[in-house]
Amino acid sequence: AADMAAAADLLEGLPGKVLLTTGSKELDAFARPGLRERCCPRVLPMAD
C-alpha cells in the first residue's frame, strides 16, 4: 500500500481481525466504522 489510507482500503476487502503494527500516530486511517472494530492496534505502553 502506498500509504495508510490505501492500506485501510485493502483491509475493507479482507476478512477477519487485523493486527496493526504501524504505531499510534498512524491509526486515524484505520478508525473507520466497521473496520476499527476488527483492528488490534499494538502500541507502546504509554498513557498517550
All heavy atoms as atom14 arrays in JSON, in Angstrom:
{
  "sequence": "AADMAAAADLLEGLPGKVLLTTGSKELDAFARPGLRERCCPRVLPMAD",
  "atom14_mask": [
    [1, 1, 1, 1, 1, 0, 0, 0, 0, 0, 0, 0, 0, 0],
    [1, 1, 1, 1, 1, 0, 0, 0, 0, 0, 0, 0, 0, 0],
    [1, 1, 1, 1, 1, 1, 1, 1, 0, 0, 0, 0, 0, 0],
    [1, 1, 1, 1, 1, 1, 1, 1, 0, 0, 0, 0, 0, 0],
    [1, 1, 1, 1, 1, 0, 0, 0, 0, 0, 0, 0, 0, 0],
    [1, 1, 1, 1, 1, 0, 0, 0, 0, 0, 0, 0, 0, 0],
    [1, 1, 1, 1, 1, 0, 0, 0, 0, 0, 0, 0, 0, 0],
    [1, 1, 1, 1, 1, 0, 0, 0, 0, 0, 0, 0, 0, 0],
    [1, 1, 1, 1, 1, 1, 1, 1, 0, 0, 0, 0, 0, 0],
    [1, 1, 1, 1, 1, 1, 1, 1, 0, 0, 0, 0, 0, 0],
    [1, 1, 1, 1, 1, 1, 1, 1, 0, 0, 0, 0, 0, 0],
    [1, 1, 1, 1, 1, 1, 1, 1, 1, 0, 0, 0, 0, 0],
    [1, 1, 1, 1, 0, 0, 0, 0, 0, 0, 0, 0, 0, 0],
    [1, 1, 1, 1, 1, 1, 1, 1, 0, 0, 0, 0, 0, 0],
    [1, 1, 1, 1, 1, 1, 1, 0, 0, 0, 0, 0, 0, 0],
    [1, 1, 1, 1, 0, 0, 0, 0, 0, 0, 0, 0, 0, 0],
    [1, 1, 1, 1, 1, 1, 1, 1, 1, 0, 0, 0, 0, 0],
    [1, 1, 1, 1, 1, 1, 1, 0, 0, 0, 0, 0, 0, 0],
    [1, 1, 1, 1, 1, 1, 1, 1, 0, 0, 0, 0, 0, 0],
    [1, 1, 1, 1, 1, 1, 1, 1, 0, 0, 0, 0, 0, 0],
    [1, 1, 1, 1, 1, 1, 1, 0, 0, 0, 0, 0, 0, 0],
    [1, 1, 1, 1, 1, 1, 1, 0, 0, 0, 0, 0, 0, 0],
    [1, 1, 1, 1, 0, 0, 0, 0, 0, 0, 0, 0, 0, 0],
    [1, 1, 1, 1, 1, 1, 0, 0, 0, 0, 0, 0, 0, 0],
    [1, 1, 1, 1, 1, 1, 1, 1, 1, 0, 0, 0, 0, 0],
    [1, 1, 1, 1, 1, 1, 1, 1, 1, 0, 0, 0, 0, 0],
    [1, 1, 1, 1, 1, 1, 1, 1, 0, 0, 0, 0, 0, 0],
    [1, 1, 1, 1, 1, 1, 1, 1, 0, 0, 0, 0, 0, 0],
    [1, 1, 1, 1, 1, 0, 0, 0, 0, 0, 0, 0, 0, 0],
    [1, 1, 1, 1, 1, 1, 1, 1, 1, 1, 1, 0, 0, 0],
    [1, 1, 1, 1, 1, 0, 0, 0, 0, 0, 0, 0, 0, 0],
    [1, 1, 1, 1, 1, 1, 1, 1, 1, 1, 1, 0, 0, 0],
    [1, 1, 1, 1, 1, 1, 1, 0, 0, 0, 0, 0, 0, 0],
    [1, 1, 1, 1, 0, 0, 0, 0, 0, 0, 0, 0, 0, 0],
    [1, 1, 1, 1, 1, 1, 1, 1, 0, 0, 0, 0, 0, 0],
    [1, 1, 1, 1, 1, 1, 1, 1, 1, 1, 1, 0, 0, 0],
    [1, 1, 1, 1, 1, 1, 1, 1, 1, 0, 0, 0, 0, 0],
    [1, 1, 1, 1, 1, 1, 1, 1, 1, 1, 1, 0, 0, 0],
    [1, 1, 1, 1, 1, 1, 0, 0, 0, 0, 0, 0, 0, 0],
    [1, 1, 1, 1, 1, 1, 0, 0, 0, 0, 0, 0, 0, 0],
    [1, 1, 1, 1, 1, 1, 1, 0, 0, 0, 0, 0, 0, 0],
    [1, 1, 1, 1, 1, 1, 1, 1, 1, 1, 1, 0, 0, 0],
    [1, 1, 1, 1, 1, 1, 1, 0, 0, 0, 0, 0, 0, 0],
    [1, 1, 1, 1, 1, 1, 1, 1, 0, 0, 0, 0, 0, 0],
    [1, 1, 1, 1, 1, 1, 1, 0, 0, 0, 0, 0, 0, 0],
    [1, 1, 1, 1, 1, 1, 1, 1, 0, 0, 0, 0, 0, 0],
    [1, 1, 1, 1, 1, 0, 0, 0, 0, 0, 0, 0, 0, 0],
    [1, 1, 1, 1, 1, 1, 1, 1, 0, 0, 0, 0, 0, 0]
  ],
  "atom14_positions": [
    [[0.85, -1.19, 0.0], [0.0, 0.0, 0.0], [0.89, 1.24, 0.0], [1.92, 1.27, 0.67], [-0.91, 0.01, 1.22], [0.0, 0.0, 0.0], [0.0, 0.0, 0.0], [0.0, 0.0, 0.0], [0.0, 0.0, 0.0], [0.0, 0.0, 0.0], [0.0, 0.0, 0.0], [0.0, 0.0, 0.0], [0.0, 0.0, 0.0], [0.0, 0.0, 0.0]],
    [[0.48, 2.26, -0.74], [1.28, 3.46, -0.85], [1.28, 4.27, 0.44], [2.24, 4.98, 0.74], [0.79, 4.33, -2.01], [0.0, 0.0, 0.0], [0.0, 0.0, 0.0], [0.0, 0.0, 0.0], [0.0, 0.0, 0.0], [0.0, 0.0, 0.0], [0.0, 0.0, 0.0], [0.0, 0.0, 0.0], [0.0, 0.0, 0.0], [0.0, 0.0, 0.0]],
    [[0.2, 4.2, 1.2], [0.1, 4.93, 2.45], [-0.92, 4.26, 3.35], [-1.48, 3.2, 3.01], [-0.29, 6.4, 2.2], [-1.54, 6.55, 1.32], [-2.42, 5.65, 1.37], [-1.64, 7.55, 0.6], [0.0, 0.0, 0.0], [0.0, 0.0, 0.0], [0.0, 0.0, 0.0], [0.0, 0.0, 0.0], [0.0, 0.0, 0.0], [0.0, 0.0, 0.0]],
    [[-1.18, 4.85, 4.52], [-2.08, 4.24, 5.49], [-3.51, 4.16, 4.98], [-4.21, 3.16, 5.2], [-2.04, 5.02, 6.82], [-0.68, 5.01, 7.49], [-0.15, 3.33, 7.95], [1.62, 3.63, 8.19], [0.0, 0.0, 0.0], [0.0, 0.0, 0.0], [0.0, 0.0, 0.0], [0.0, 0.0, 0.0], [0.0, 0.0, 0.0], [0.0, 0.0, 0.0]],
    [[-3.96, 5.18, 4.28], [-5.32, 5.18, 3.74], [-5.5, 4.05, 2.73], [-6.53, 3.37, 2.71], [-5.64, 6.53, 3.1], [0.0, 0.0, 0.0], [0.0, 0.0, 0.0], [0.0, 0.0, 0.0], [0.0, 0.0, 0.0], [0.0, 0.0, 0.0], [0.0, 0.0, 0.0], [0.0, 0.0, 0.0], [0.0, 0.0, 0.0], [0.0, 0.0, 0.0]],
    [[-4.48, 3.84, 1.9], [-4.55, 2.75, 0.91], [-4.54, 1.4, 1.61], [-5.21, 0.45, 1.17], [-3.38, 2.86, -0.06], [0.0, 0.0, 0.0], [0.0, 0.0, 0.0], [0.0, 0.0, 0.0], [0.0, 0.0, 0.0], [0.0, 0.0, 0.0], [0.0, 0.0, 0.0], [0.0, 0.0, 0.0], [0.0, 0.0, 0.0], [0.0, 0.0, 0.0]],
    [[-3.79, 1.28, 2.72], [-3.79, 0.04, 3.49], [-5.17, -0.22, 4.08], [-5.66, -1.36, 4.07], [-2.75, 0.12, 4.6], [0.0, 0.0, 0.0], [0.0, 0.0, 0.0], [0.0, 0.0, 0.0], [0.0, 0.0, 0.0], [0.0, 0.0, 0.0], [0.0, 0.0, 0.0], [0.0, 0.0, 0.0], [0.0, 0.0, 0.0], [0.0, 0.0, 0.0]],
    [[-5.82, 0.82, 4.6], [-7.16, 0.67, 5.15], [-8.15, 0.25, 4.07], [-9.05, -0.56, 4.31], [-7.61, 1.98, 5.8], [0.0, 0.0, 0.0], [0.0, 0.0, 0.0], [0.0, 0.0, 0.0], [0.0, 0.0, 0.0], [0.0, 0.0, 0.0], [0.0, 0.0, 0.0], [0.0, 0.0, 0.0], [0.0, 0.0, 0.0], [0.0, 0.0, 0.0]],
    [[-7.97, 0.78, 2.86], [-8.83, 0.38, 1.75], [-8.68, -1.11, 1.45], [-9.67, -1.81, 1.2], [-8.48, 1.2, 0.49], [-8.9, 2.66, 0.59], [-9.76, 2.97, 1.44], [-8.34, 3.48, -0.16], [0.0, 0.0, 0.0], [0.0, 0.0, 0.0], [0.0, 0.0, 0.0], [0.0, 0.0, 0.0], [0.0, 0.0, 0.0], [0.0, 0.0, 0.0]],
    [[-7.43, -1.59, 1.5], [-7.2, -3.01, 1.27], [-7.89, -3.86, 2.35], [-8.47, -4.91, 2.04], [-5.69, -3.31, 1.29], [-4.88, -2.97, 0.04], [-3.39, -3.19, 0.32], [-5.33, -3.82, -1.13], [0.0, 0.0, 0.0], [0.0, 0.0, 0.0], [0.0, 0.0, 0.0], [0.0, 0.0, 0.0], [0.0, 0.0, 0.0], [0.0, 0.0, 0.0]],
    [[-7.84, -3.4, 3.57], [-8.43, -4.16, 4.67], [-9.94, -4.28, 4.54], [-10.53, -5.25, 5.02], [-8.08, -3.5, 6.01], [-6.6, -3.51, 6.4], [-6.41, -2.78, 7.72], [-6.09, -4.94, 6.51], [0.0, 0.0, 0.0], [0.0, 0.0, 0.0], [0.0, 0.0, 0.0], [0.0, 0.0, 0.0], [0.0, 0.0, 0.0], [0.0, 0.0, 0.0]],
    [[-10.55, -3.32, 3.89], [-12.01, -3.37, 3.69], [-12.4, -4.62, 2.9], [-13.51, -5.13, 3.06], [-12.49, -2.12, 2.95], [-12.29, -0.81, 3.7], [-13.35, -0.56, 4.77], [-14.11, -1.51, 5.09], [-13.4, 0.56, 5.28], [0.0, 0.0, 0.0], [0.0, 0.0, 0.0], [0.0, 0.0, 0.0], [0.0, 0.0, 0.0], [0.0, 0.0, 0.0]],
    [[-11.48, -5.1, 2.06], [-11.78, -6.27, 1.25], [-11.21, -7.57, 1.79], [-11.3, -8.6, 1.13], [0.0, 0.0, 0.0], [0.0, 0.0, 0.0], [0.0, 0.0, 0.0], [0.0, 0.0, 0.0], [0.0, 0.0, 0.0], [0.0, 0.0, 0.0], [0.0, 0.0, 0.0], [0.0, 0.0, 0.0], [0.0, 0.0, 0.0], [0.0, 0.0, 0.0]],
    [[-10.61, -7.51, 2.98], [-10.03, -8.7, 3.59], [-10.82, -9.07, 4.85], [-11.21, -8.19, 5.62], [-8.55, -8.45, 3.97], [-7.6, -8.21, 2.79], [-6.23, -7.79, 3.29], [-7.48, -9.47, 1.93], [0.0, 0.0, 0.0], [0.0, 0.0, 0.0], [0.0, 0.0, 0.0], [0.0, 0.0, 0.0], [0.0, 0.0, 0.0], [0.0, 0.0, 0.0]],
    [[-11.04, -10.35, 5.07], [-11.87, -10.76, 6.21], [-11.1, -10.84, 7.52], [-9.87, -10.91, 7.54], [-12.33, -12.16, 5.79], [-11.18, -12.69, 4.99], [-10.61, -11.5, 4.25], [0.0, 0.0, 0.0], [0.0, 0.0, 0.0], [0.0, 0.0, 0.0], [0.0, 0.0, 0.0], [0.0, 0.0, 0.0], [0.0, 0.0, 0.0], [0.0, 0.0, 0.0]],
    [[-11.83, -10.83, 8.62], [-11.27, -11.15, 9.93], [-10.54, -10.03, 10.61], [-10.52, -8.88, 10.16], [0.0, 0.0, 0.0], [0.0, 0.0, 0.0], [0.0, 0.0, 0.0], [0.0, 0.0, 0.0], [0.0, 0.0, 0.0], [0.0, 0.0, 0.0], [0.0, 0.0, 0.0], [0.0, 0.0, 0.0], [0.0, 0.0, 0.0], [0.0, 0.0, 0.0]],
    [[-9.9, -10.38, 11.73], [-9.24, -9.4, 12.56], [-7.87, -9.0, 11.99], [-7.25, -9.74, 11.23], [-9.1, -9.93, 13.99], [-10.45, -10.19, 14.65], [-10.32, -10.58, 16.1], [-10.0, -9.37, 16.97], [-10.05, -9.71, 18.41], [0.0, 0.0, 0.0], [0.0, 0.0, 0.0], [0.0, 0.0, 0.0], [0.0, 0.0, 0.0], [0.0, 0.0, 0.0]],
    [[-7.43, -7.81, 12.41], [-6.23, -7.2, 11.86], [-5.3, -6.79, 13.0], [-5.74, -6.17, 13.98], [-6.59, -5.94, 11.03], [-5.32, -5.29, 10.47], [-7.57, -6.29, 9.92], [0.0, 0.0, 0.0], [0.0, 0.0, 0.0], [0.0, 0.0, 0.0], [0.0, 0.0, 0.0], [0.0, 0.0, 0.0], [0.0, 0.0, 0.0], [0.0, 0.0, 0.0]],
    [[-4.02, -7.13, 12.89], [-3.01, -6.63, 13.82], [-2.31, -5.44, 13.18], [-1.67, -5.58, 12.14], [-1.99, -7.72, 14.16], [-0.84, -7.29, 15.1], [-1.39, -6.86, 16.45], [0.18, -8.42, 15.26], [0.0, 0.0, 0.0], [0.0, 0.0, 0.0], [0.0, 0.0, 0.0], [0.0, 0.0, 0.0], [0.0, 0.0, 0.0], [0.0, 0.0, 0.0]],
    [[-2.47, -4.27, 13.8], [-1.83, -3.05, 13.3], [-0.53, -2.82, 14.06], [-0.53, -2.62, 15.27], [-2.75, -1.84, 13.5], [-4.1, -1.86, 12.8], [-4.93, -0.63, 13.19], [-3.92, -1.89, 11.28], [0.0, 0.0, 0.0], [0.0, 0.0, 0.0], [0.0, 0.0, 0.0], [0.0, 0.0, 0.0], [0.0, 0.0, 0.0], [0.0, 0.0, 0.0]],
    [[0.59, -2.83, 13.34], [1.9, -2.6, 13.97], [2.55, -1.34, 13.41], [3.77, -1.26, 13.3], [2.82, -3.82, 13.78], [3.14, -3.96, 12.39], [2.16, -5.09, 14.29], [0.0, 0.0, 0.0], [0.0, 0.0, 0.0], [0.0, 0.0, 0.0], [0.0, 0.0, 0.0], [0.0, 0.0, 0.0], [0.0, 0.0, 0.0], [0.0, 0.0, 0.0]],
    [[1.72, -0.37, 13.06], [2.2, 0.85, 12.4], [2.48, 1.98, 13.38], [2.99, 3.02, 12.98], [1.17, 1.32, 11.37], [-0.11, 1.48, 12.02], [1.02, 0.33, 10.23], [0.0, 0.0, 0.0], [0.0, 0.0, 0.0], [0.0, 0.0, 0.0], [0.0, 0.0, 0.0], [0.0, 0.0, 0.0], [0.0, 0.0, 0.0], [0.0, 0.0, 0.0]],
    [[2.11, 1.82, 14.66], [2.34, 2.87, 15.65], [1.1, 3.7, 15.91], [0.2, 3.81, 15.07], [0.0, 0.0, 0.0], [0.0, 0.0, 0.0], [0.0, 0.0, 0.0], [0.0, 0.0, 0.0], [0.0, 0.0, 0.0], [0.0, 0.0, 0.0], [0.0, 0.0, 0.0], [0.0, 0.0, 0.0], [0.0, 0.0, 0.0], [0.0, 0.0, 0.0]],
    [[1.04, 4.3, 17.08], [-0.16, 5.04, 17.49], [-0.42, 6.28, 16.65], [-1.57, 6.72, 16.52], [-0.05, 5.43, 18.97], [1.07, 6.27, 19.19], [0.0, 0.0, 0.0], [0.0, 0.0, 0.0], [0.0, 0.0, 0.0], [0.0, 0.0, 0.0], [0.0, 0.0, 0.0], [0.0, 0.0, 0.0], [0.0, 0.0, 0.0], [0.0, 0.0, 0.0]],
    [[0.62, 6.86, 16.07], [0.43, 8.08, 15.27], [-0.22, 7.8, 13.93], [-0.67, 8.73, 13.24], [1.78, 8.76, 15.04], [2.44, 9.28, 16.31], [3.78, 9.91, 16.0], [4.48, 10.39, 17.25], [5.82, 10.98, 16.95], [0.0, 0.0, 0.0], [0.0, 0.0, 0.0], [0.0, 0.0, 0.0], [0.0, 0.0, 0.0], [0.0, 0.0, 0.0]],
    [[-0.28, 6.55, 13.52], [-0.76, 6.19, 12.19], [-2.13, 5.51, 12.21], [-2.49, 4.81, 11.27], [0.25, 5.25, 11.51], [1.68, 5.76, 11.5], [1.92, 6.84, 10.47], [0.93, 7.29, 9.84], [3.07, 7.23, 10.29], [0.0, 0.0, 0.0], [0.0, 0.0, 0.0], [0.0, 0.0, 0.0], [0.0, 0.0, 0.0], [0.0, 0.0, 0.0]],
    [[-2.9, 5.69, 13.27], [-4.13, 4.93, 13.44], [-5.37, 5.59, 12.82], [-6.38, 4.91, 12.63], [-4.39, 4.68, 14.93], [-3.37, 3.79, 15.64], [-3.71, 3.71, 17.12], [-3.35, 2.4, 15.02], [0.0, 0.0, 0.0], [0.0, 0.0, 0.0], [0.0, 0.0, 0.0], [0.0, 0.0, 0.0], [0.0, 0.0, 0.0], [0.0, 0.0, 0.0]],
    [[-5.3, 6.87, 12.52], [-6.5, 7.57, 12.04], [-7.15, 6.9, 10.84], [-8.38, 6.78, 10.77], [-6.15, 9.02, 11.67], [-5.69, 9.83, 12.87], [-4.59, 9.51, 13.39], [-6.39, 10.75, 13.28], [0.0, 0.0, 0.0], [0.0, 0.0, 0.0], [0.0, 0.0, 0.0], [0.0, 0.0, 0.0], [0.0, 0.0, 0.0], [0.0, 0.0, 0.0]],
    [[-6.32, 6.47, 9.89], [-6.86, 5.89, 8.66], [-7.64, 4.61, 8.91], [-8.53, 4.26, 8.12], [-5.72, 5.61, 7.67], [0.0, 0.0, 0.0], [0.0, 0.0, 0.0], [0.0, 0.0, 0.0], [0.0, 0.0, 0.0], [0.0, 0.0, 0.0], [0.0, 0.0, 0.0], [0.0, 0.0, 0.0], [0.0, 0.0, 0.0], [0.0, 0.0, 0.0]],
    [[-7.35, 3.93, 10.03], [-8.0, 2.65, 10.3], [-9.21, 2.78, 11.24], [-9.86, 1.78, 11.54], [-6.98, 1.68, 10.92], [-5.75, 1.51, 10.09], [-4.58, 2.19, 10.39], [-5.77, 0.68, 8.97], [-3.44, 2.04, 9.62], [-4.63, 0.52, 8.19], [-3.46, 1.21, 8.51], [0.0, 0.0, 0.0], [0.0, 0.0, 0.0], [0.0, 0.0, 0.0]],
    [[-9.47, 4.01, 11.69], [-10.56, 4.23, 12.64], [-11.9, 4.45, 11.93], [-12.68, 5.33, 12.3], [-10.22, 5.42, 13.54], [0.0, 0.0, 0.0], [0.0, 0.0, 0.0], [0.0, 0.0, 0.0], [0.0, 0.0, 0.0], [0.0, 0.0, 0.0], [0.0, 0.0, 0.0], [0.0, 0.0, 0.0], [0.0, 0.0, 0.0], [0.0, 0.0, 0.0]],
    [[-12.15, 3.64, 10.93], [-13.41, 3.73, 10.18], [-14.45, 2.82, 10.83], [-14.11, 1.71, 11.27], [-13.22, 3.29, 8.74], [-12.13, 4.0, 7.97], [-11.98, 3.37, 6.58], [-10.89, 3.99, 5.83], [-10.52, 3.61, 4.61], [-11.16, 2.58, 4.02], [-9.53, 4.22, 3.98], [0.0, 0.0, 0.0], [0.0, 0.0, 0.0], [0.0, 0.0, 0.0]],
    [[-15.69, 3.27, 10.91], [-16.74, 2.38, 11.43], [-16.77, 1.08, 10.64], [-16.7, 1.09, 9.41], [-18.01, 3.19, 11.22], [-17.56, 4.62, 11.21], [-16.21, 4.59, 10.55], [0.0, 0.0, 0.0], [0.0, 0.0, 0.0], [0.0, 0.0, 0.0], [0.0, 0.0, 0.0], [0.0, 0.0, 0.0], [0.0, 0.0, 0.0], [0.0, 0.0, 0.0]],
    [[-16.82, -0.03, 11.34], [-16.83, -1.33, 10.7], [-15.45, -1.92, 10.55], [-15.3, -3.15, 10.52], [0.0, 0.0, 0.0], [0.0, 0.0, 0.0], [0.0, 0.0, 0.0], [0.0, 0.0, 0.0], [0.0, 0.0, 0.0], [0.0, 0.0, 0.0], [0.0, 0.0, 0.0], [0.0, 0.0, 0.0], [0.0, 0.0, 0.0], [0.0, 0.0, 0.0]],
    [[-14.43, -1.07, 10.43], [-13.06, -1.55, 10.33], [-12.36, -1.53, 11.68], [-11.7, -2.5, 12.07], [-12.26, -0.72, 9.32], [-10.77, -1.08, 9.16], [-10.58, -2.53, 8.76], [-10.1, -0.15, 8.14], [0.0, 0.0, 0.0], [0.0, 0.0, 0.0], [0.0, 0.0, 0.0], [0.0, 0.0, 0.0], [0.0, 0.0, 0.0], [0.0, 0.0, 0.0]],
    [[-12.53, -0.44, 12.42], [-11.8, -0.32, 13.69], [-12.19, -1.41, 14.68], [-11.38, -1.8, 15.52], [-12.02, 1.06, 14.31], [-13.44, 1.36, 14.71], [-13.57, 2.78, 15.19], [-14.97, 3.16, 15.29], [-15.42, 4.41, 15.17], [-14.57, 5.39, 14.95], [-16.7, 4.68, 15.27], [0.0, 0.0, 0.0], [0.0, 0.0, 0.0], [0.0, 0.0, 0.0]],
    [[-13.42, -1.91, 14.57], [-13.85, -2.98, 15.48], [-13.09, -4.28, 15.23], [-13.02, -5.14, 16.1], [-15.35, -3.22, 15.34], [-16.23, -2.1, 15.87], [-16.3, -0.89, 14.96], [-15.9, -1.0, 13.77], [-16.76, 0.18, 15.43], [0.0, 0.0, 0.0], [0.0, 0.0, 0.0], [0.0, 0.0, 0.0], [0.0, 0.0, 0.0], [0.0, 0.0, 0.0]],
    [[-12.52, -4.41, 14.02], [-11.77, -5.62, 13.67], [-10.28, -5.46, 13.95], [-9.53, -6.44, 13.86], [-11.95, -5.94, 12.19], [-13.37, -6.29, 11.8], [-13.39, -6.94, 10.43], [-13.15, -6.03, 9.32], [-12.2, -6.17, 8.4], [-11.35, -7.19, 8.47], [-12.07, -5.3, 7.42], [0.0, 0.0, 0.0], [0.0, 0.0, 0.0], [0.0, 0.0, 0.0]],
    [[-9.83, -4.24, 14.24], [-8.4, -3.95, 14.34], [-7.87, -4.07, 15.76], [-8.52, -3.64, 16.72], [-8.11, -2.54, 13.82], [-8.26, -2.39, 12.03], [0.0, 0.0, 0.0], [0.0, 0.0, 0.0], [0.0, 0.0, 0.0], [0.0, 0.0, 0.0], [0.0, 0.0, 0.0], [0.0, 0.0, 0.0], [0.0, 0.0, 0.0], [0.0, 0.0, 0.0]],
    [[-6.67, -4.63, 15.87], [-5.97, -4.74, 17.14], [-4.69, -3.9, 17.02], [-3.68, -4.38, 16.49], [-5.6, -6.18, 17.44], [-7.0, -7.31, 17.56], [0.0, 0.0, 0.0], [0.0, 0.0, 0.0], [0.0, 0.0, 0.0], [0.0, 0.0, 0.0], [0.0, 0.0, 0.0], [0.0, 0.0, 0.0], [0.0, 0.0, 0.0], [0.0, 0.0, 0.0]],
    [[-4.72, -2.65, 17.47], [-3.5, -1.84, 17.39], [-2.51, -2.21, 18.47], [-2.86, -2.32, 19.65], [-4.03, -0.41, 17.6], [-5.32, -0.56, 18.32], [-5.87, -1.91, 17.98], [0.0, 0.0, 0.0], [0.0, 0.0, 0.0], [0.0, 0.0, 0.0], [0.0, 0.0, 0.0], [0.0, 0.0, 0.0], [0.0, 0.0, 0.0], [0.0, 0.0, 0.0]],
    [[-1.24, -2.45, 18.07], [-0.17, -2.71, 19.03], [0.67, -1.45, 19.15], [1.29, -1.01, 18.18], [0.69, -3.9, 18.59], [1.69, -4.34, 19.67], [2.35, -5.65, 19.32], [3.3, -5.53, 18.23], [3.9, -6.57, 17.64], [3.63, -7.79, 18.05], [4.76, -6.38, 16.66], [0.0, 0.0, 0.0], [0.0, 0.0, 0.0], [0.0, 0.0, 0.0]],
    [[0.65, -0.86, 20.35], [1.29, 0.44, 20.56], [2.19, 0.37, 21.79], [2.15, -0.6, 22.56], [0.23, 1.55, 20.74], [-0.61, 1.7, 19.48], [-0.65, 1.28, 21.96], [0.0, 0.0, 0.0], [0.0, 0.0, 0.0], [0.0, 0.0, 0.0], [0.0, 0.0, 0.0], [0.0, 0.0, 0.0], [0.0, 0.0, 0.0], [0.0, 0.0, 0.0]],
    [[2.99, 1.41, 21.99], [3.87, 1.46, 23.15], [3.06, 1.55, 24.44], [1.96, 2.12, 24.46], [4.79, 2.68, 23.04], [5.88, 2.6, 21.97], [6.6, 3.94, 21.85], [6.88, 1.5, 22.28], [0.0, 0.0, 0.0], [0.0, 0.0, 0.0], [0.0, 0.0, 0.0], [0.0, 0.0, 0.0], [0.0, 0.0, 0.0], [0.0, 0.0, 0.0]],
    [[3.59, 1.02, 25.53], [2.88, 1.06, 26.81], [3.0, 2.43, 27.49], [3.62, 2.57, 28.55], [3.57, -0.04, 27.63], [4.95, -0.08, 27.08], [4.83, 0.23, 25.62], [0.0, 0.0, 0.0], [0.0, 0.0, 0.0], [0.0, 0.0, 0.0], [0.0, 0.0, 0.0], [0.0, 0.0, 0.0], [0.0, 0.0, 0.0], [0.0, 0.0, 0.0]],
    [[2.4, 3.42, 26.84], [2.43, 4.79, 27.34], [1.01, 5.33, 27.37], [0.18, 4.96, 26.53], [3.32, 5.66, 26.46], [4.78, 5.21, 26.41], [5.75, 6.15, 25.2], [5.64, 7.79, 25.88], [0.0, 0.0, 0.0], [0.0, 0.0, 0.0], [0.0, 0.0, 0.0], [0.0, 0.0, 0.0], [0.0, 0.0, 0.0], [0.0, 0.0, 0.0]],
    [[0.74, 6.22, 28.33], [-0.62, 6.74, 28.5], [-1.16, 7.41, 27.25], [-2.31, 7.18, 26.86], [-0.65, 7.71, 29.68], [0.0, 0.0, 0.0], [0.0, 0.0, 0.0], [0.0, 0.0, 0.0], [0.0, 0.0, 0.0], [0.0, 0.0, 0.0], [0.0, 0.0, 0.0], [0.0, 0.0, 0.0], [0.0, 0.0, 0.0], [0.0, 0.0, 0.0]],
    [[-0.31, 8.21, 26.57], [-0.81, 8.92, 25.4], [-1.14, 7.96, 24.25], [-2.07, 8.2, 23.47], [0.16, 10.0, 24.94], [1.55, 9.48, 24.62], [1.84, 8.32, 24.95], [2.33, 10.25, 24.03], [0.0, 0.0, 0.0], [0.0, 0.0, 0.0], [0.0, 0.0, 0.0], [0.0, 0.0, 0.0], [0.0, 0.0, 0.0], [0.0, 0.0, 0.0]]
  ]
}
